Amino acid sequence: MEWYIVGVTAALLTTFGFVPQIIKMYRSKSAKDVSIVTFFQFSAGVLLWALYGIHLRDIIIIAANTVSFMILLVAIALYYRYY
């Protein structure tokens, strides 16, 4: 059972890892110091992880990476809005 908690905790930490950057871009109305390549690379990675989770039928992997992907789409949209 403790490994389940480790998995959920890891999923939460990584899923919401880009939220502080989104808040910073939104508040400053600037994305000049942000790397768009990082957002696209992470988006591709979490999309592949989500597909892998679907293959394994692992709800933690699916949920964490699907939410991460949506958060990254918001980050990419803000990047293009404020750059």
Protein backbone atom coordinates (compact mmCIF):
# COMPACT_ATOMS: atom_id res chain seq x y z
CA MET A 1 0.00 0.00 0.00
CA GLU A 2 2.83 2.47 0.72
CA TRP A 3 4.06 2.24 -2.89
CA TYR A 4 0.63 3.36 -4.03
CA ILE A 5 1.04 6.49 -1.89
CA VAL A 6 4.52 7.05 -3.35
CA GLY A 7 3.06 6.75 -6.86
CA VAL A 8 0.20 9.14 -6.17
CA THR A 9 2.54 11.66 -4.52
CA ALA A 10 4.98 11.51 -7.43
CA ALA A 11 2.12 11.91 -9.89
CA LEU A 12 0.80 14.99 -8.07
CA LEU A 13 4.22 16.64 -7.84
CA THR A 14 5.06 16.14 -11.50
CA THR A 15 1.55 16.81 -12.77
CA PHE A 16 1.43 20.28 -11.28
CA GLY A 17 5.11 21.08 -11.78
CA PHE A 18 4.47 23.68 -14.47
CA VAL A 19 1.68 25.51 -12.64
CA PRO A 20 4.09 28.01 -11.01
CA GLN A 21 5.45 28.89 -14.47
CA ILE A 22 1.93 29.40 -15.79
CA ILE A 23 1.11 31.67 -12.85
CA LYS A 24 4.31 33.66 -13.46
CA MET A 25 3.55 34.10 -17.17
CA TYR A 26 -0.02 35.14 -16.42
CA ARG A 27 0.91 37.65 -13.72
CA SER A 28 3.84 39.19 -15.59
CA LYS A 29 2.08 39.02 -18.99
CA SER A 30 5.42 37.87 -20.39
CA ALA A 31 6.95 34.65 -21.65
CA LYS A 32 10.28 36.08 -22.79
CA ASP A 33 12.31 34.00 -20.30
CA VAL A 34 10.51 30.73 -21.06
CA SER A 35 11.69 27.98 -23.40
CA ILE A 36 8.89 26.84 -25.71
CA VAL A 37 11.00 23.80 -26.63
CA THR A 38 10.73 22.63 -23.02
CA PHE A 39 6.94 22.84 -23.17
CA PHE A 40 6.75 20.89 -26.42
CA GLN A 41 9.25 18.28 -25.24
CA PHE A 42 7.38 17.75 -21.98
CA SER A 43 4.05 17.65 -23.82
CA ALA A 44 5.30 14.89 -26.10
CA GLY A 45 6.67 13.00 -23.09
CA VAL A 46 3.50 13.15 -21.01
CA LEU A 47 1.36 12.26 -24.02
CA LEU A 48 3.49 9.15 -24.56
CA TRP A 49 3.28 8.34 -20.84
CA ALA A 50 -0.51 8.64 -21.00
CA LEU A 51 -0.60 6.25 -23.95
CA TYR A 52 1.65 3.86 -22.04
CA GLY A 53 -0.70 4.12 -19.06
CA ILE A 54 -3.63 3.27 -21.30
CA HIS A 55 -1.72 0.23 -22.53
CA LEU A 56 -1.06 -0.85 -18.92
CA ARG A 57 -4.56 0.17 -17.79
CA ASP A 58 -2.94 2.13 -14.94
CA ILE A 59 -5.29 4.92 -13.85
CA ILE A 60 -2.56 6.83 -11.96
CA ILE A 61 -0.33 7.04 -15.02
CA ILE A 62 -3.27 7.90 -17.29
CA ALA A 63 -4.75 10.58 -15.03
CA ALA A 64 -1.49 12.24 -14.04
CA ASN A 65 -0.20 12.51 -17.57
CA THR A 66 -3.51 13.55 -19.11
CA VAL A 67 -3.81 16.40 -16.59
CA SER A 68 -0.14 17.28 -17.16
CA PHE A 69 -0.77 17.45 -20.90
CA MET A 70 -3.73 19.80 -20.42
CA ILE A 71 -1.69 22.03 -18.09
CA LEU A 72 1.09 22.16 -20.67
CA LEU A 73 -1.42 23.13 -23.37
CA VAL A 74 -2.38 26.09 -21.18
CA ALA A 75 1.30 26.96 -20.78
CA ILE A 76 1.85 26.82 -24.55
CA ALA A 77 -1.20 29.01 -25.17
CA LEU A 78 0.05 31.57 -22.65
CA TYR A 79 3.49 31.46 -24.23
CA TYR A 80 2.10 32.39 -27.63
CA ARG A 81 -0.18 35.01 -26.13
CA TYR A 82 2.51 36.80 -24.13
CA TYR A 83 5.69 36.31 -26.17
